[in-house]
Amino acid sequence: MDAQRALLDELMGAARNMTEEERKGYKEIKWDDKEVCRFYMVRFCPHDLFVNTRSDLGTCPKIHDPKLKERMELKYALHAVC
């Protein structure tokens, strides 16, 4: 069920089931938003680095999304070519 939901989110966007009024207040997350983990976007998050050790930081409060990371890498790859 979650795989189907993820596929629909990928194809139609996360706001696919929202009404028009809900969409007015909806803001799509971009890779440079404050809610997105900068460390994850660059290479790796320190919260993921020390899992199950004494230095474990717990789960990261920010968003880790591979799709956002791909968008950022694509943008900077295009800038490097130009």
PDB file of N, CA and C in Angstrom:
ATOM      1  N   MET A   1       0.822  -1.193   0.000  1.00  0.00           N
ATOM      2  CA  MET A   1       0.000   0.000   0.000  1.00  0.00           C
ATOM      3  C   MET A   1       0.868   1.260   0.000  1.00  0.00           C
ATOM      4  N   ASP A   2       1.939   1.256   0.807  1.00  0.00           N
ATOM      5  CA  ASP A   2       2.820   2.424   0.856  1.00  0.00           C
ATOM      6  C   ASP A   2       3.554   2.622  -0.459  1.00  0.00           C
ATOM      7  N   ALA A   3       3.881   1.525  -1.139  1.00  0.00           N
ATOM      8  CA  ALA A   3       4.566   1.629  -2.426  1.00  0.00           C
ATOM      9  C   ALA A   3       3.649   2.290  -3.456  1.00  0.00           C
ATOM     10  N   GLN A   4       2.379   1.944  -3.425  1.00  0.00           N
ATOM     11  CA  GLN A   4       1.421   2.552  -4.347  1.00  0.00           C
ATOM     12  C   GLN A   4       1.245   4.036  -4.043  1.00  0.00           C
ATOM     13  N   ARG A   5       1.190   4.364  -2.770  1.00  0.00           N
ATOM     14  CA  ARG A   5       1.055   5.763  -2.352  1.00  0.00           C
ATOM     15  C   ARG A   5       2.282   6.571  -2.784  1.00  0.00           C
ATOM     16  N   ALA A   6       3.456   5.985  -2.637  1.00  0.00           N
ATOM     17  CA  ALA A   6       4.696   6.655  -3.038  1.00  0.00           C
ATOM     18  C   ALA A   6       4.737   6.856  -4.550  1.00  0.00           C
ATOM     19  N   LEU A   7       4.265   5.877  -5.294  1.00  0.00           N
ATOM     20  CA  LEU A   7       4.233   6.002  -6.748  1.00  0.00           C
ATOM     21  C   LEU A   7       3.287   7.114  -7.182  1.00  0.00           C
ATOM     22  N   LEU A   8       2.115   7.185  -6.570  1.00  0.00           N
ATOM     23  CA  LEU A   8       1.172   8.255  -6.892  1.00  0.00           C
ATOM     24  C   LEU A   8       1.738   9.623  -6.518  1.00  0.00           C
ATOM     25  N   ASP A   9       2.433   9.714  -5.382  1.00  0.00           N
ATOM     26  CA  ASP A   9       3.069  10.977  -4.993  1.00  0.00           C
ATOM     27  C   ASP A   9       4.107  11.393  -6.021  1.00  0.00           C
ATOM     28  N   GLU A  10       4.858  10.425  -6.517  1.00  0.00           N
ATOM     29  CA  GLU A  10       5.891  10.725  -7.504  1.00  0.00           C
ATOM     30  C   GLU A  10       5.286  11.205  -8.819  1.00  0.00           C
ATOM     31  N   LEU A  11       4.214  10.562  -9.238  1.00  0.00           N
ATOM     32  CA  LEU A  11       3.607  10.900 -10.522  1.00  0.00           C
ATOM     33  C   LEU A  11       2.741  12.153 -10.472  1.00  0.00           C
ATOM     34  N   MET A  12       1.955  12.301  -9.404  1.00  0.00           N
ATOM     35  CA  MET A  12       0.964  13.369  -9.356  1.00  0.00           C
ATOM     36  C   MET A  12       1.277  14.460  -8.345  1.00  0.00           C
ATOM     37  N   GLY A  13       2.292  14.255  -7.537  1.00  0.00           N
ATOM     38  CA  GLY A  13       2.628  15.243  -6.519  1.00  0.00           C
ATOM     39  C   GLY A  13       1.965  14.911  -5.194  1.00  0.00           C
ATOM     40  N   ALA A  14       2.530  15.448  -4.139  1.00  0.00           N
ATOM     41  CA  ALA A  14       2.025  15.144  -2.801  1.00  0.00           C
ATOM     42  C   ALA A  14       0.672  15.790  -2.529  1.00  0.00           C
ATOM     43  N   ALA A  15       0.297  16.797  -3.303  1.00  0.00           N
ATOM     44  CA  ALA A  15      -0.957  17.522  -3.076  1.00  0.00           C
ATOM     45  C   ALA A  15      -2.097  16.987  -3.942  1.00  0.00           C
ATOM     46  N   ARG A  16      -2.004  15.765  -4.384  1.00  0.00           N
ATOM     47  CA  ARG A  16      -2.987  15.235  -5.331  1.00  0.00           C
ATOM     48  C   ARG A  16      -4.385  15.091  -4.754  1.00  0.00           C
ATOM     49  N   ASN A  17      -4.523  14.863  -3.455  1.00  0.00           N
ATOM     50  CA  ASN A  17      -5.834  14.648  -2.835  1.00  0.00           C
ATOM     51  C   ASN A  17      -6.387  15.886  -2.152  1.00  0.00           C
ATOM     52  N   MET A  18      -5.721  17.007  -2.270  1.00  0.00           N
ATOM     53  CA  MET A  18      -6.160  18.223  -1.579  1.00  0.00           C
ATOM     54  C   MET A  18      -7.238  18.950  -2.373  1.00  0.00           C
ATOM     55  N   THR A  19      -8.103  19.633  -1.636  1.00  0.00           N
ATOM     56  CA  THR A  19      -9.106  20.468  -2.284  1.00  0.00           C
ATOM     57  C   THR A  19      -8.451  21.777  -2.714  1.00  0.00           C
ATOM     58  N   GLU A  20      -9.183  22.590  -3.449  1.00  0.00           N
ATOM     59  CA  GLU A  20      -8.640  23.874  -3.909  1.00  0.00           C
ATOM     60  C   GLU A  20      -8.268  24.779  -2.742  1.00  0.00           C
ATOM     61  N   GLU A  21      -9.072  24.780  -1.695  1.00  0.00           N
ATOM     62  CA  GLU A  21      -8.777  25.625  -0.530  1.00  0.00           C
ATOM     63  C   GLU A  21      -7.526  25.149   0.202  1.00  0.00           C
ATOM     64  N   GLU A  22      -7.358  23.835   0.301  1.00  0.00           N
ATOM     65  CA  GLU A  22      -6.159  23.302   0.951  1.00  0.00           C
ATOM     66  C   GLU A  22      -4.909  23.586   0.127  1.00  0.00           C
ATOM     67  N   ARG A  23      -5.042  23.588  -1.193  1.00  0.00           N
ATOM     68  CA  ARG A  23      -3.886  23.849  -2.063  1.00  0.00           C
ATOM     69  C   ARG A  23      -3.411  25.286  -1.980  1.00  0.00           C
ATOM     70  N   LYS A  24      -4.307  26.212  -1.636  1.00  0.00           N
ATOM     71  CA  LYS A  24      -3.910  27.622  -1.525  1.00  0.00           C
ATOM     72  C   LYS A  24      -2.870  27.814  -0.429  1.00  0.00           C
ATOM     73  N   GLY A  25      -3.005  27.090   0.671  1.00  0.00           N
ATOM     74  CA  GLY A  25      -2.066  27.207   1.774  1.00  0.00           C
ATOM     75  C   GLY A  25      -0.895  26.239   1.681  1.00  0.00           C
ATOM     76  N   TYR A  26      -0.897  25.370   0.666  1.00  0.00           N
ATOM     77  CA  TYR A  26       0.133  24.345   0.527  1.00  0.00           C
ATOM     78  C   TYR A  26       1.373  24.922  -0.139  1.00  0.00           C
ATOM     79  N   LYS A  27       2.520  24.620   0.424  1.00  0.00           N
ATOM     80  CA  LYS A  27       3.791  25.056  -0.150  1.00  0.00           C
ATOM     81  C   LYS A  27       4.623  23.816  -0.438  1.00  0.00           C
ATOM     82  N   GLU A  28       4.994  23.628  -1.685  1.00  0.00           N
ATOM     83  CA  GLU A  28       5.818  22.479  -2.038  1.00  0.00           C
ATOM     84  C   GLU A  28       7.233  22.682  -1.507  1.00  0.00           C
ATOM     85  N   ILE A  29       7.808  21.642  -0.966  1.00  0.00           N
ATOM     86  CA  ILE A  29       9.146  21.731  -0.385  1.00  0.00           C
ATOM     87  C   ILE A  29      10.186  21.709  -1.497  1.00  0.00           C
ATOM     88  N   LYS A  30      11.117  22.642  -1.426  1.00  0.00           N
ATOM     89  CA  LYS A  30      12.223  22.708  -2.381  1.00  0.00           C
ATOM     90  C   LYS A  30      13.507  22.328  -1.668  1.00  0.00           C
ATOM     91  N   TRP A  31      14.536  22.027  -2.422  1.00  0.00           N
ATOM     92  CA  TRP A  31      15.775  21.545  -1.818  1.00  0.00           C
ATOM     93  C   TRP A  31      16.490  22.608  -0.994  1.00  0.00           C
ATOM     94  N   ASP A  32      16.198  23.877  -1.205  1.00  0.00           N
ATOM     95  CA  ASP A  32      16.893  24.928  -0.459  1.00  0.00           C
ATOM     96  C   ASP A  32      16.051  25.509   0.683  1.00  0.00           C
ATOM     97  N   ASP A  33      14.953  24.838   1.047  1.00  0.00           N
ATOM     98  CA  ASP A  33      14.132  25.279   2.176  1.00  0.00           C
ATOM     99  C   ASP A  33      14.832  24.991   3.504  1.00  0.00           C
ATOM    100  N   LYS A  34      14.427  25.713   4.537  1.00  0.00           N
ATOM    101  CA  LYS A  34      15.032  25.542   5.863  1.00  0.00           C
ATOM    102  C   LYS A  34      14.691  24.195   6.486  1.00  0.00           C
ATOM    103  N   GLU A  35      13.598  23.581   6.071  1.00  0.00           N
ATOM    104  CA  GLU A  35      13.178  22.306   6.647  1.00  0.00           C
ATOM    105  C   GLU A  35      14.009  21.129   6.144  1.00  0.00           C
ATOM    106  N   VAL A  36      14.786  21.340   5.076  1.00  0.00           N
ATOM    107  CA  VAL A  36      15.576  20.277   4.463  1.00  0.00           C
ATOM    108  C   VAL A  36      16.969  20.255   5.088  1.00  0.00           C
ATOM    109  N   CYS A  37      17.475  19.077   5.382  1.00  0.00           N
ATOM    110  CA  CYS A  37      18.790  18.913   6.021  1.00  0.00           C
ATOM    111  C   CYS A  37      19.899  19.255   5.026  1.00  0.00           C
ATOM    112  N   ARG A  38      20.656  20.300   5.319  1.00  0.00           N
ATOM    113  CA  ARG A  38      21.750  20.745   4.446  1.00  0.00           C
ATOM    114  C   ARG A  38      22.876  19.709   4.384  1.00  0.00           C
ATOM    115  N   PHE A  39      23.153  19.084   5.519  1.00  0.00           N
ATOM    116  CA  PHE A  39      24.225  18.095   5.551  1.00  0.00           C
ATOM    117  C   PHE A  39      23.894  16.902   4.663  1.00  0.00           C
ATOM    118  N   TYR A  40      22.637  16.473   4.684  1.00  0.00           N
ATOM    119  CA  TYR A  40      22.214  15.356   3.845  1.00  0.00           C
ATOM    120  C   TYR A  40      22.322  15.723   2.369  1.00  0.00           C
ATOM    121  N   MET A  41      21.977  16.952   2.051  1.00  0.00           N
ATOM    122  CA  MET A  41      22.010  17.381   0.657  1.00  0.00           C
ATOM    123  C   MET A  41      23.437  17.397   0.107  1.00  0.00           C
ATOM    124  N   VAL A  42      24.396  17.737   0.942  1.00  0.00           N
ATOM    125  CA  VAL A  42      25.782  17.825   0.483  1.00  0.00           C
ATOM    126  C   VAL A  42      26.431  16.447   0.424  1.00  0.00           C
ATOM    127  N   ARG A  43      26.362  15.698   1.494  1.00  0.00           N
ATOM    128  CA  ARG A  43      27.010  14.394   1.509  1.00  0.00           C
ATOM    129  C   ARG A  43      26.289  13.431   2.447  1.00  0.00           C
ATOM    130  N   PHE A  44      26.378  13.687   3.745  1.00  0.00           N
ATOM    131  CA  PHE A  44      25.713  12.836   4.729  1.00  0.00           C
ATOM    132  C   PHE A  44      25.401  13.648   5.972  1.00  0.00           C
ATOM    133  N   CYS A  45      24.389  13.220   6.673  1.00  0.00           N
ATOM    134  CA  CYS A  45      23.942  13.908   7.881  1.00  0.00           C
ATOM    135  C   CYS A  45      24.661  13.315   9.091  1.00  0.00           C
ATOM    136  N   PRO A  46      25.162  14.141  10.015  1.00  0.00           N
ATOM    137  CA  PRO A  46      25.817  13.608  11.210  1.00  0.00           C
ATOM    138  C   PRO A  46      24.881  12.758  12.073  1.00  0.00           C
ATOM    139  N   HIS A  47      23.592  12.981  11.963  1.00  0.00           N
ATOM    140  CA  HIS A  47      22.632  12.166  12.711  1.00  0.00           C
ATOM    141  C   HIS A  47      22.637  10.722  12.207  1.00  0.00           C
ATOM    142  N   ASP A  48      22.946  10.531  10.922  1.00  0.00           N
ATOM    143  CA  ASP A  48      23.000   9.189  10.342  1.00  0.00           C
ATOM    144  C   ASP A  48      24.372   8.544  10.508  1.00  0.00           C
ATOM    145  N   LEU A  49      25.373   9.332  10.821  1.00  0.00           N
ATOM    146  CA  LEU A  49      26.747   8.845  10.862  1.00  0.00           C
ATOM    147  C   LEU A  49      27.035   7.975  12.083  1.00  0.00           C
ATOM    148  N   PHE A  50      26.534   8.347  13.238  1.00  0.00           N
ATOM    149  CA  PHE A  50      26.883   7.666  14.479  1.00  0.00           C
ATOM    150  C   PHE A  50      25.725   6.850  15.057  1.00  0.00           C
ATOM    151  N   VAL A  51      25.005   6.164  14.237  1.00  0.00           N
ATOM    152  CA  VAL A  51      23.862   5.374  14.693  1.00  0.00           C
ATOM    153  C   VAL A  51      24.359   4.186  15.522  1.00  0.00           C
ATOM    154  N   ASN A  52      23.691   3.917  16.637  1.00  0.00           N
ATOM    155  CA  ASN A  52      23.997   2.802  17.551  1.00  0.00           C
ATOM    156  C   ASN A  52      25.393   2.891  18.161  1.00  0.00           C
ATOM    157  N   THR A  53      25.856   4.098  18.436  1.00  0.00           N
ATOM    158  CA  THR A  53      27.120   4.302  19.143  1.00  0.00           C
ATOM    159  C   THR A  53      26.862   5.206  20.343  1.00  0.00           C
ATOM    160  N   ARG A  54      27.888   5.450  21.115  1.00  0.00           N
ATOM    161  CA  ARG A  54      27.737   6.375  22.243  1.00  0.00           C
ATOM    162  C   ARG A  54      27.449   7.791  21.769  1.00  0.00           C
ATOM    163  N   SER A  55      27.934   8.109  20.605  1.00  0.00           N
ATOM    164  CA  SER A  55      27.767   9.461  20.061  1.00  0.00           C
ATOM    165  C   SER A  55      26.511   9.606  19.219  1.00  0.00           C
ATOM    166  N   ASP A  56      25.581   8.674  19.347  1.00  0.00           N
ATOM    167  CA  ASP A  56      24.343   8.711  18.566  1.00  0.00           C
ATOM    168  C   ASP A  56      23.586  10.011  18.846  1.00  0.00           C
ATOM    169  N   LEU A  57      23.253  10.737  17.796  1.00  0.00           N
ATOM    170  CA  LEU A  57      22.553  12.013  17.925  1.00  0.00           C
ATOM    171  C   LEU A  57      21.038  11.857  17.829  1.00  0.00           C
ATOM    172  N   GLY A  58      20.570  10.657  17.557  1.00  0.00           N
ATOM    173  CA  GLY A  58      19.136  10.441  17.384  1.00  0.00           C
ATOM    174  C   GLY A  58      18.732  10.714  15.943  1.00  0.00           C
ATOM    175  N   THR A  59      17.452  10.791  15.720  1.00  0.00           N
ATOM    176  CA  THR A  59      16.978  11.044  14.362  1.00  0.00           C
ATOM    177  C   THR A  59      17.078  12.528  14.041  1.00  0.00           C
ATOM    178  N   CYS A  60      17.317  12.821  12.799  1.00  0.00           N
ATOM    179  CA  CYS A  60      17.445  14.208  12.350  1.00  0.00           C
ATOM    180  C   CYS A  60      16.058  14.847  12.283  1.00  0.00           C
ATOM    181  N   PRO A  61      15.903  16.050  12.817  1.00  0.00           N
ATOM    182  CA  PRO A  61      14.598  16.710  12.789  1.00  0.00           C
ATOM    183  C   PRO A  61      14.248  17.299  11.421  1.00  0.00           C
ATOM    184  N   LYS A  62      15.196  17.303  10.513  1.00  0.00           N
ATOM    185  CA  LYS A  62      14.960  17.899   9.196  1.00  0.00           C
ATOM    186  C   LYS A  62      14.641  16.820   8.170  1.00  0.00           C
ATOM    187  N   ILE A  63      14.277  17.245   6.975  1.00  0.00           N
ATOM    188  CA  ILE A  63      13.821  16.344   5.919  1.00  0.00           C
ATOM    189  C   ILE A  63      15.006  15.777   5.147  1.00  0.00           C
ATOM    190  N   HIS A  64      15.000  14.448   4.940  1.00  0.00           N
ATOM    191  CA  HIS A  64      15.970  13.757   4.098  1.00  0.00           C
ATOM    192  C   HIS A  64      15.193  13.156   2.930  1.00  0.00           C
ATOM    193  N   ASP A  65      15.275  13.761   1.770  1.00  0.00           N
ATOM    194  CA  ASP A  65      14.525  13.279   0.616  1.00  0.00           C
ATOM    195  C   ASP A  65      15.472  13.094  -0.567  1.00  0.00           C
ATOM    196  N   PRO A  66      15.637  11.861  -1.055  1.00  0.00           N
ATOM    197  CA  PRO A  66      16.542  11.624  -2.180  1.00  0.00           C
ATOM    198  C   PRO A  66      16.134  12.368  -3.453  1.00  0.00           C
ATOM    199  N   LYS A  67      14.846  12.591  -3.648  1.00  0.00           N
ATOM    200  CA  LYS A  67      14.395  13.315  -4.843  1.00  0.00           C
ATOM    201  C   LYS A  67      14.863  14.765  -4.815  1.00  0.00           C
ATOM    202  N   LEU A  68      14.795  15.385  -3.643  1.00  0.00           N
ATOM    203  CA  LEU A  68      15.281  16.759  -3.513  1.00  0.00           C
ATOM    204  C   LEU A  68      16.788  16.814  -3.740  1.00  0.00           C
ATOM    205  N   LYS A  69      17.490  15.803  -3.266  1.00  0.00           N
ATOM    206  CA  LYS A  69      18.941  15.734  -3.455  1.00  0.00           C
ATOM    207  C   LYS A  69      19.276  15.610  -4.941  1.00  0.00           C
ATOM    208  N   GLU A  70      18.512  14.799  -5.663  1.00  0.00           N
ATOM    209  CA  GLU A  70      18.722  14.646  -7.104  1.00  0.00           C
ATOM    210  C   GLU A  70      18.495  15.964  -7.832  1.00  0.00           C
ATOM    211  N   ARG A  71      17.463  16.704  -7.435  1.00  0.00           N
ATOM    212  CA  ARG A  71      17.189  18.000  -8.067  1.00  0.00           C
ATOM    213  C   ARG A  71      18.340  18.977  -7.843  1.00  0.00           C
ATOM    214  N   MET A  72      18.875  18.995  -6.618  1.00  0.00           N
ATOM    215  CA  MET A  72      19.988  19.883  -6.314  1.00  0.00           C
ATOM    216  C   MET A  72      21.225  19.488  -7.123  1.00  0.00           C
ATOM    217  N   GLU A  73      21.530  18.198  -7.182  1.00  0.00           N
ATOM    218  CA  GLU A  73      22.693  17.733  -7.931  1.00  0.00           C
ATOM    219  C   GLU A  73      22.543  18.034  -9.411  1.00  0.00           C
ATOM    220  N   LEU A  74      21.338  17.903  -9.935  1.00  0.00           N
ATOM    221  CA  LEU A  74      21.091  18.205 -11.339  1.00  0.00           C
ATOM    222  C   LEU A  74      21.303  19.686 -11.614  1.00  0.00           C
ATOM    223  N   LYS A  75      20.830  20.535 -10.720  1.00  0.00           N
ATOM    224  CA  LYS A  75      20.994  21.974 -10.904  1.00  0.00           C
ATOM    225  C   LYS A  75      22.467  22.348 -10.933  1.00  0.00           C
ATOM    226  N   TYR A  76      23.243  21.831  -9.988  1.00  0.00           N
ATOM    227  CA  TYR A  76      24.660  22.176  -9.943  1.00  0.00           C
ATOM    228  C   TYR A  76      25.454  21.492 -11.040  1.00  0.00           C
ATOM    229  N   ALA A  77      24.998  20.355 -11.533  1.00  0.00           N
ATOM    230  CA  ALA A  77      25.653  19.711 -12.670  1.00  0.00           C
ATOM    231  C   ALA A  77      25.453  20.555 -13.921  1.00  0.00           C
ATOM    232  N   LEU A  78      24.274  21.144 -14.074  1.00  0.00           N
ATOM    233  CA  LEU A  78      24.015  22.011 -15.223  1.00  0.00           C
ATOM    234  C   LEU A  78      24.838  23.290 -15.141  1.00  0.00           C
ATOM    235  N   HIS A  79      25.030  23.834 -13.935  1.00  0.00           N
ATOM    236  CA  HIS A  79      25.849  25.037 -13.768  1.00  0.00           C
ATOM    237  C   HIS A  79      27.314  24.749 -14.069  1.00  0.00           C
ATOM    238  N   ALA A  80      27.782  23.552 -13.774  1.00  0.00           N
ATOM    239  CA  ALA A  80      29.180  23.201 -14.018  1.00  0.00           C
ATOM    240  C   ALA A  80      29.459  23.078 -15.508  1.00  0.00           C
ATOM    241  N   VAL A  81      28.451  22.675 -16.281  1.00  0.00           N
ATOM    242  CA  VAL A  81      28.618  22.507 -17.723  1.00  0.00           C
ATOM    243  C   VAL A  81      28.661  23.852 -18.428  1.00  0.00           C
ATOM    244  N   CYS A  82      27.862  24.794 -17.968  1.00  0.00           N
ATOM    245  CA  CYS A  82      27.762  26.103 -18.630  1.00  0.00           C
ATOM    246  C   CYS A  82      28.951  26.984 -18.379  1.00  0.00           C
TER     247      CYS A  82
END
